[in-house]
C-alpha atoms as a PDB file:
ATOM      1  CA  MET A   1      62.976  73.540  49.586  1.00  0.00           C
ATOM      2  CA  GLY A   2      61.979  70.693  47.318  1.00  0.00           C
ATOM      3  CA  LEU A   3      58.488  69.840  46.245  1.00  0.00           C
ATOM      4  CA  LEU A   4      58.440  66.842  48.598  1.00  0.00           C
ATOM      5  CA  THR A   5      59.490  66.842  52.230  1.00  0.00           C
ATOM      6  CA  LYS A   6      61.145  63.712  53.607  1.00  0.00           C
ATOM      7  CA  LYS A   7      57.878  62.785  55.292  1.00  0.00           C
ATOM      8  CA  ASP A   8      55.961  63.228  52.038  1.00  0.00           C
ATOM      9  CA  ALA A   9      58.519  61.182  50.094  1.00  0.00           C
ATOM     10  CA  HIS A  10      57.987  58.282  52.511  1.00  0.00           C
ATOM     11  CA  LEU A  11      54.328  58.185  51.458  1.00  0.00           C
ATOM     12  CA  ILE A  12      55.530  57.121  48.002  1.00  0.00           C
ATOM     13  CA  THR A  13      58.578  55.004  48.869  1.00  0.00           C
ATOM     14  CA  ASP A  14      57.272  52.989  51.841  1.00  0.00           C
ATOM     15  CA  PRO A  15      54.546  51.123  49.888  1.00  0.00           C
ATOM     16  CA  LEU A  16      57.147  50.177  47.270  1.00  0.00           C
ATOM     17  CA  ALA A  17      59.102  48.120  49.789  1.00  0.00           C
ATOM     18  CA  ASP A  18      58.624  47.800  53.543  1.00  0.00           C
ATOM     19  CA  ASN A  19      54.893  48.493  53.572  1.00  0.00           C
ATOM     20  CA  ASN A  20      53.820  47.017  50.243  1.00  0.00           C
ATOM     21  CA  PRO A  21      50.032  46.574  50.084  1.00  0.00           C
ATOM     22  CA  ILE A  22      50.278  43.080  48.554  1.00  0.00           C
ATOM     23  CA  THR A  23      53.378  41.478  50.074  1.00  0.00           C
ATOM     24  CA  ILE A  24      53.235  43.091  53.541  1.00  0.00           C
ATOM     25  CA  GLN A  25      49.592  44.055  54.103  1.00  0.00           C
ATOM     26  CA  VAL A  26      48.328  41.124  51.987  1.00  0.00           C
ATOM     27  CA  LEU A  27      45.638  43.208  50.268  1.00  0.00           C
ATOM     28  CA  GLY A  28      44.495  43.126  46.641  1.00  0.00           C
ATOM     29  CA  ILE A  29      45.500  39.472  46.235  1.00  0.00           C
ATOM     30  CA  CYS A  30      42.457  38.584  44.085  1.00  0.00           C
ATOM     31  CA  SER A  31      43.509  40.655  41.071  1.00  0.00           C
ATOM     32  CA  ALA A  32      47.126  39.564  41.525  1.00  0.00           C
ATOM     33  CA  LEU A  33      45.958  35.985  41.003  1.00  0.00           C
ATOM     34  CA  ALA A  34      43.352  36.600  38.335  1.00  0.00           C
ATOM     35  CA  ILE A  35      44.721  38.996  35.705  1.00  0.00           C
ATOM     36  CA  THR A  36      48.499  38.512  35.773  1.00  0.00           C
ATOM     37  CA  ALA A  37      48.698  35.723  33.176  1.00  0.00           C
ATOM     38  CA  GLU A  38      49.478  38.487  30.654  1.00  0.00           C
ATOM     39  CA  LEU A  39      51.853  41.381  31.248  1.00  0.00           C
ATOM     40  CA  LYS A  40      49.709  43.817  29.252  1.00  0.00           C
ATOM     41  CA  ALA A  41      46.677  43.165  31.444  1.00  0.00           C
ATOM     42  CA  SER A  42      48.851  43.577  34.555  1.00  0.00           C
ATOM     43  CA  VAL A  43      50.108  46.981  33.387  1.00  0.00           C
ATOM     44  CA  VAL A  44      46.614  48.212  32.481  1.00  0.00           C
ATOM     45  CA  MET A  45      45.202  47.082  35.829  1.00  0.00           C
ATOM     46  CA  ALA A  46      48.107  48.795  37.627  1.00  0.00           C
ATOM     47  CA  VAL A  47      47.485  52.067  35.759  1.00  0.00           C
ATOM     48  CA  SER A  48      43.733  51.800  36.397  1.00  0.00           C
ATOM     49  CA  VAL A  49      44.230  51.378  40.141  1.00  0.00           C
ATOM     50  CA  LEU A  50      46.748  54.249  40.130  1.00  0.00           C
ATOM     51  CA  PHE A  51      44.148  56.582  38.605  1.00  0.00           C
ATOM     52  CA  VAL A  52      41.309  55.418  40.863  1.00  0.00           C
ATOM     53  CA  LEU A  53      43.278  55.491  44.117  1.00  0.00           C
ATOM     54  CA  ALA A  54      45.129  58.778  43.523  1.00  0.00           C
ATOM     55  CA  MET A  55      42.031  60.664  42.339  1.00  0.00           C
ATOM     56  CA  GLY A  56      39.766  58.968  44.872  1.00  0.00           C
ATOM     57  CA  ASN A  57      42.052  59.897  47.751  1.00  0.00           C
ATOM     58  CA  VAL A  58      42.000  63.541  46.649  1.00  0.00           C
ATOM     59  CA  VAL A  59      38.199  63.632  46.345  1.00  0.00           C
ATOM     60  CA  ILE A  60      37.650  61.972  49.729  1.00  0.00           C
ATOM     61  CA  SER A  61      40.202  64.296  51.345  1.00  0.00           C
ATOM     62  CA  LEU A  62      38.469  67.383  49.921  1.00  0.00           C
ATOM     63  CA  MET A  63      35.116  66.117  51.239  1.00  0.00           C
ATOM     64  CA  ARG A  64      36.404  64.809  54.579  1.00  0.00           C
ATOM     65  CA  ASN A  65      34.943  67.636  56.682  1.00  0.00           C
ATOM     66  CA  ILE A  66      31.466  67.455  55.174  1.00  0.00           C
ATOM     67  CA  ILE A  67      30.946  63.675  55.000  1.00  0.00           C
ATOM     68  CA  PRO A  68      28.665  62.479  57.837  1.00  0.00           C
ATOM     69  CA  SER A  69      30.403  59.682  59.724  1.00  0.00           C
ATOM     70  CA  LYS A  70      27.430  57.330  59.465  1.00  0.00           C
ATOM     71  CA  ILE A  71      27.420  57.331  55.647  1.00  0.00           C
ATOM     72  CA  ARG A  72      31.149  57.686  54.948  1.00  0.00           C
ATOM     73  CA  ILE A  73      31.460  54.134  53.541  1.00  0.00           C
ATOM     74  CA  ILE A  74      28.574  54.785  51.135  1.00  0.00           C
ATOM     75  CA  VAL A  75      30.187  58.034  49.987  1.00  0.00           C
ATOM     76  CA  GLN A  76      33.520  56.261  49.483  1.00  0.00           C
ATOM     77  CA  LEU A  77      31.834  53.565  47.394  1.00  0.00           C
ATOM     78  CA  ILE A  78      30.110  56.182  45.230  1.00  0.00           C
ATOM     79  CA  VAL A  79      33.421  57.992  44.611  1.00  0.00           C
ATOM     80  CA  VAL A  80      35.348  54.845  43.709  1.00  0.00           C
ATOM     81  CA  ALA A  81      32.465  53.491  41.584  1.00  0.00           C
ATOM     82  CA  THR A  82      32.370  56.733  39.586  1.00  0.00           C
ATOM     83  CA  LEU A  83      36.118  56.591  38.925  1.00  0.00           C
ATOM     84  CA  VAL A  84      35.948  52.888  37.988  1.00  0.00           C
ATOM     85  CA  ILE A  85      33.161  53.610  35.485  1.00  0.00           C
ATOM     86  CA  ILE A  86      35.395  56.251  33.870  1.00  0.00           C
ATOM     87  CA  VAL A  87      38.244  53.711  33.624  1.00  0.00           C
ATOM     88  CA  ASP A  88      35.926  51.058  32.216  1.00  0.00           C
ATOM     89  CA  GLN A  89      34.504  53.374  29.557  1.00  0.00           C
ATOM     90  CA  VAL A  90      37.994  54.555  28.508  1.00  0.00           C
ATOM     91  CA  LEU A  91      39.139  50.939  28.150  1.00  0.00           C
ATOM     92  CA  LYS A  92      36.079  50.041  26.073  1.00  0.00           C
ATOM     93  CA  ALA A  93      36.668  53.052  23.840  1.00  0.00           C
ATOM     94  CA  PHE A  94      40.402  52.653  23.267  1.00  0.00           C
ATOM     95  CA  ALA A  95      41.282  49.035  24.158  1.00  0.00           C
ATOM     96  CA  TYR A  96      38.143  46.988  23.683  1.00  0.00           C
ATOM     97  CA  GLU A  97      39.810  43.572  23.439  1.00  0.00           C
ATOM     98  CA  LEU A  98      41.786  44.229  26.594  1.00  0.00           C
ATOM     99  CA  SER A  99      38.670  45.446  28.369  1.00  0.00           C
ATOM    100  CA  LYS A 100      37.064  42.080  27.584  1.00  0.00           C
ATOM    101  CA  THR A 101      40.109  40.288  28.991  1.00  0.00           C
ATOM    102  CA  LEU A 102      39.924  42.258  32.241  1.00  0.00           C
ATOM    103  CA  SER A 103      36.096  42.099  32.153  1.00  0.00           C
ATOM    104  CA  VAL A 104      34.674  41.856  35.680  1.00  0.00           C
ATOM    105  CA  PHE A 105      38.011  42.542  37.370  1.00  0.00           C
ATOM    106  CA  VAL A 106      37.885  46.229  36.460  1.00  0.00           C
ATOM    107  CA  GLY A 107      34.536  46.453  38.226  1.00  0.00           C
ATOM    108  CA  LEU A 108      35.999  44.694  41.244  1.00  0.00           C
ATOM    109  CA  ILE A 109      38.385  47.626  41.725  1.00  0.00           C
ATOM    110  CA  ILE A 110      35.391  49.114  43.569  1.00  0.00           C
ATOM    111  CA  THR A 111      35.813  46.558  46.364  1.00  0.00           C
ATOM    112  CA  ASN A 112      39.612  46.490  46.306  1.00  0.00           C
ATOM    113  CA  CYS A 113      40.712  46.447  49.959  1.00  0.00           C
ATOM    114  CA  ILE A 114      43.679  48.712  49.201  1.00  0.00           C
ATOM    115  CA  ILE A 115      41.475  51.511  47.874  1.00  0.00           C
ATOM    116  CA  MET A 116      38.828  51.406  50.585  1.00  0.00           C
ATOM    117  CA  GLY A 117      41.536  51.015  53.212  1.00  0.00           C
ATOM    118  CA  ARG A 118      43.443  54.123  52.095  1.00  0.00           C
ATOM    119  CA  PHE A 119      40.227  56.148  51.898  1.00  0.00           C
ATOM    120  CA  GLU A 120      39.344  55.174  55.455  1.00  0.00           C
ATOM    121  CA  ALA A 121      42.787  55.198  57.050  1.00  0.00           C
ATOM    122  CA  PHE A 122      44.454  58.138  55.300  1.00  0.00           C
ATOM    123  CA  ALA A 123      42.322  60.345  53.038  1.00  0.00           C
ATOM    124  CA  LEU A 124      39.739  61.033  55.749  1.00  0.00           C
ATOM    125  CA  ALA A 125      42.449  62.345  58.070  1.00  0.00           C
ATOM    126  CA  ASN A 126      44.828  64.200  55.747  1.00  0.00           C
ATOM    127  CA  GLY A 127      44.885  67.027  53.203  1.00  0.00           C
ATOM    128  CA  PRO A 128      44.550  66.592  49.424  1.00  0.00           C
ATOM    129  CA  TRP A 129      48.277  66.768  48.580  1.00  0.00           C
ATOM    130  CA  ARG A 130      49.387  64.145  51.105  1.00  0.00           C
ATOM    131  CA  SER A 131      46.379  61.999  50.195  1.00  0.00           C
ATOM    132  CA  PHE A 132      47.370  62.209  46.534  1.00  0.00           C
ATOM    133  CA  LEU A 133      50.925  61.111  47.362  1.00  0.00           C
ATOM    134  CA  ASP A 134      49.596  58.269  49.509  1.00  0.00           C
ATOM    135  CA  GLY A 135      47.405  57.122  46.623  1.00  0.00           C
ATOM    136  CA  ILE A 136      50.338  57.258  44.190  1.00  0.00           C
ATOM    137  CA  GLY A 137      52.613  55.340  46.561  1.00  0.00           C
ATOM    138  CA  ASN A 138      50.179  52.545  47.394  1.00  0.00           C
ATOM    139  CA  SER A 139      49.025  52.097  43.807  1.00  0.00           C
ATOM    140  CA  LEU A 140      52.648  51.968  42.607  1.00  0.00           C
ATOM    141  CA  GLY A 141      53.429  49.377  45.270  1.00  0.00           C
ATOM    142  CA  TYR A 142      50.434  47.349  44.119  1.00  0.00           C
ATOM    143  CA  GLY A 143      51.290  47.834  40.442  1.00  0.00           C
ATOM    144  CA  VAL A 144      54.938  46.826  40.774  1.00  0.00           C
ATOM    145  CA  ILE A 145      53.962  43.441  42.220  1.00  0.00           C
ATOM    146  CA  LEU A 146      51.320  42.923  39.515  1.00  0.00           C
ATOM    147  CA  ILE A 147      53.855  43.702  36.778  1.00  0.00           C
ATOM    148  CA  ILE A 148      56.545  41.433  38.270  1.00  0.00           C
ATOM    149  CA  VAL A 149      54.078  38.551  38.575  1.00  0.00           C
ATOM    150  CA  GLY A 150      52.704  39.195  35.075  1.00  0.00           C
ATOM    151  CA  PHE A 151      56.229  39.306  33.623  1.00  0.00           C
ATOM    152  CA  PHE A 152      57.246  35.887  34.921  1.00  0.00           C
ATOM    153  CA  ARG A 153      53.878  34.228  34.293  1.00  0.00           C
ATOM    154  CA  GLU A 154      53.675  35.327  30.659  1.00  0.00           C
ATOM    155  CA  LEU A 155      57.371  34.717  29.973  1.00  0.00           C
ATOM    156  CA  PHE A 156      57.512  31.170  31.348  1.00  0.00           C
ATOM    157  CA  GLY A 157      53.889  30.268  30.642  1.00  0.00           C
ATOM    158  CA  SER A 158      53.581  31.514  27.064  1.00  0.00           C
ATOM    159  CA  GLY A 159      57.116  32.457  26.021  1.00  0.00           C
ATOM    160  CA  THR A 160      55.933  35.973  25.202  1.00  0.00           C
ATOM    161  CA  LEU A 161      55.955  39.492  26.654  1.00  0.00           C
ATOM    162  CA  PHE A 162      53.136  41.883  25.767  1.00  0.00           C
ATOM    163  CA  GLY A 163      52.073  39.150  23.328  1.00  0.00           C
ATOM    164  CA  TYR A 164      55.340  39.193  21.366  1.00  0.00           C
ATOM    165  CA  PRO A 165      57.452  35.979  21.213  1.00  0.00           C
ATOM    166  CA  VAL A 166      60.758  36.441  23.035  1.00  0.00           C
ATOM    167  CA  LEU A 167      61.917  32.850  23.440  1.00  0.00           C
ATOM    168  CA  GLY A 168      61.394  31.797  19.835  1.00  0.00           C
ATOM    169  CA  ASN A 169      58.624  29.966  18.005  1.00  0.00           C
ATOM    170  CA  PRO A 170      57.369  26.874  19.854  1.00  0.00           C
ATOM    171  CA  ILE A 171      55.815  25.386  16.706  1.00  0.00           C
ATOM    172  CA  GLU A 172      58.796  25.871  14.421  1.00  0.00           C
ATOM    173  CA  LYS A 173      61.191  25.065  17.287  1.00  0.00           C
ATOM    174  CA  THR A 174      63.307  28.185  16.932  1.00  0.00           C
ATOM    175  CA  GLY A 175      65.198  30.100  19.605  1.00  0.00           C
ATOM    176  CA  LEU A 176      65.161  28.529  23.050  1.00  0.00           C
ATOM    177  CA  TYR A 177      62.622  25.937  21.881  1.00  0.00           C
ATOM    178  CA  ALA A 178      65.305  24.452  19.601  1.00  0.00           C
ATOM    179  CA  THR A 179      67.044  23.193  22.765  1.00  0.00           C
ATOM    180  CA  GLY A 180      63.969  21.232  23.840  1.00  0.00           C
ATOM    181  CA  TYR A 181      62.524  23.922  26.089  1.00  0.00           C
ATOM    182  CA  GLU A 182      58.719  23.890  26.484  1.00  0.00           C
ATOM    183  CA  ASN A 183      56.368  26.486  27.949  1.00  0.00           C
ATOM    184  CA  ASN A 184      55.211  25.767  31.480  1.00  0.00           C
ATOM    185  CA  GLY A 185      51.428  25.612  31.254  1.00  0.00           C
ATOM    186  CA  PHE A 186      51.141  25.767  35.043  1.00  0.00           C
ATOM    187  CA  MET A 187      52.341  29.381  34.974  1.00  0.00           C
ATOM    188  CA  ILE A 188      49.225  30.640  33.207  1.00  0.00           C
ATOM    189  CA  ILE A 189      46.761  29.350  35.817  1.00  0.00           C
ATOM    190  CA  PRO A 190      45.984  31.356  39.006  1.00  0.00           C
ATOM    191  CA  PRO A 191      47.853  29.117  41.530  1.00  0.00           C
ATOM    192  CA  ALA A 192      51.116  30.055  39.798  1.00  0.00           C
ATOM    193  CA  ALA A 193      50.525  33.705  40.719  1.00  0.00           C
ATOM    194  CA  LEU A 194      50.259  32.707  44.368  1.00  0.00           C
ATOM    195  CA  ILE A 195      53.610  30.919  44.134  1.00  0.00           C
ATOM    196  CA  VAL A 196      55.303  33.906  42.454  1.00  0.00           C
ATOM    197  CA  VAL A 197      53.879  36.278  45.091  1.00  0.00           C
ATOM    198  CA  GLY A 198      55.086  33.870  47.773  1.00  0.00           C
ATOM    199  CA  ILE A 199      58.605  33.945  46.320  1.00  0.00           C
ATOM    200  CA  ILE A 200      58.544  37.760  46.259  1.00  0.00           C
ATOM    201  CA  ILE A 201      57.440  37.795  49.920  1.00  0.00           C
ATOM    202  CA  TRP A 202      60.249  35.354  50.824  1.00  0.00           C
ATOM    203  CA  VAL A 203      62.884  37.446  49.024  1.00  0.00           C
ATOM    204  CA  GLN A 204      61.595  40.632  50.637  1.00  0.00           C
ATOM    205  CA  ARG A 205      61.711  39.178  54.142  1.00  0.00           C
ATOM    206  CA  SER A 206      65.101  37.584  53.536  1.00  0.00           C
ATOM    207  CA  ARG A 207      66.551  40.991  52.664  1.00  0.00           C
ATOM    208  CA  ASN A 208      64.851  42.717  55.618  1.00  0.00           C
ATOM    209  CA  PRO A 209      64.517  40.459  58.713  1.00  0.00           C
ATOM    210  CA  ALA A 210      62.565  43.219  60.481  1.00  0.00           C
ATOM    211  CA  LEU A 211      59.576  42.278  58.297  1.00  0.00           C
ATOM    212  CA  VAL A 212      59.489  38.728  59.682  1.00  0.00           C
ATOM    213  CA  GLU A 213      56.663  38.312  62.178  1.00  0.00           C
ATOM    214  CA  ASP A 214      57.456  36.929  65.633  1.00  0.00           C
ATOM    215  CA  HIS A 215      55.471  33.870  66.704  1.00  0.00           C
END
């Protein structure tokens, strides 16, 4: 018997497609708009949420039978705040410039609807292993969208990926810029992220009509 049962595997695969927290549940949109102008920031935010949600789910699951119902939200906030502080301190120690770029958005992981939602809806009702898998799946689903949006915004907005020029030099007019191509400044402002997310939602629903809501 494998490490993951079919039911357990669905906890990881479903949020990557048919139950994606951003494109289907429409959660965590704020960070998708705010920090995806650069691919590097998108990847770091995705990894940060992965750590916080996976570890947070496990902690809440282990404590689920001893948390009084009336203060469960407070306990959840304390757990996620502790994990976010760890992430913030690690970023400041090893990637200070990037931590300044993400600035307040790392702190806002505390109020991320995806994290609080999974604590409340899953971790409080399931064991540590399944809660861990649920945290991995939902954070990967969130991270994939962030990375896709960050990829297209940085590529078309700045002509770079991870800060490295990939389309040529816009000042010296080399590479693609030699043909008259110019960076699209609109792509680096937050409304562009909303458009890219909208396109992803459209593609996803076009491929799977079952996701289209009836009116």
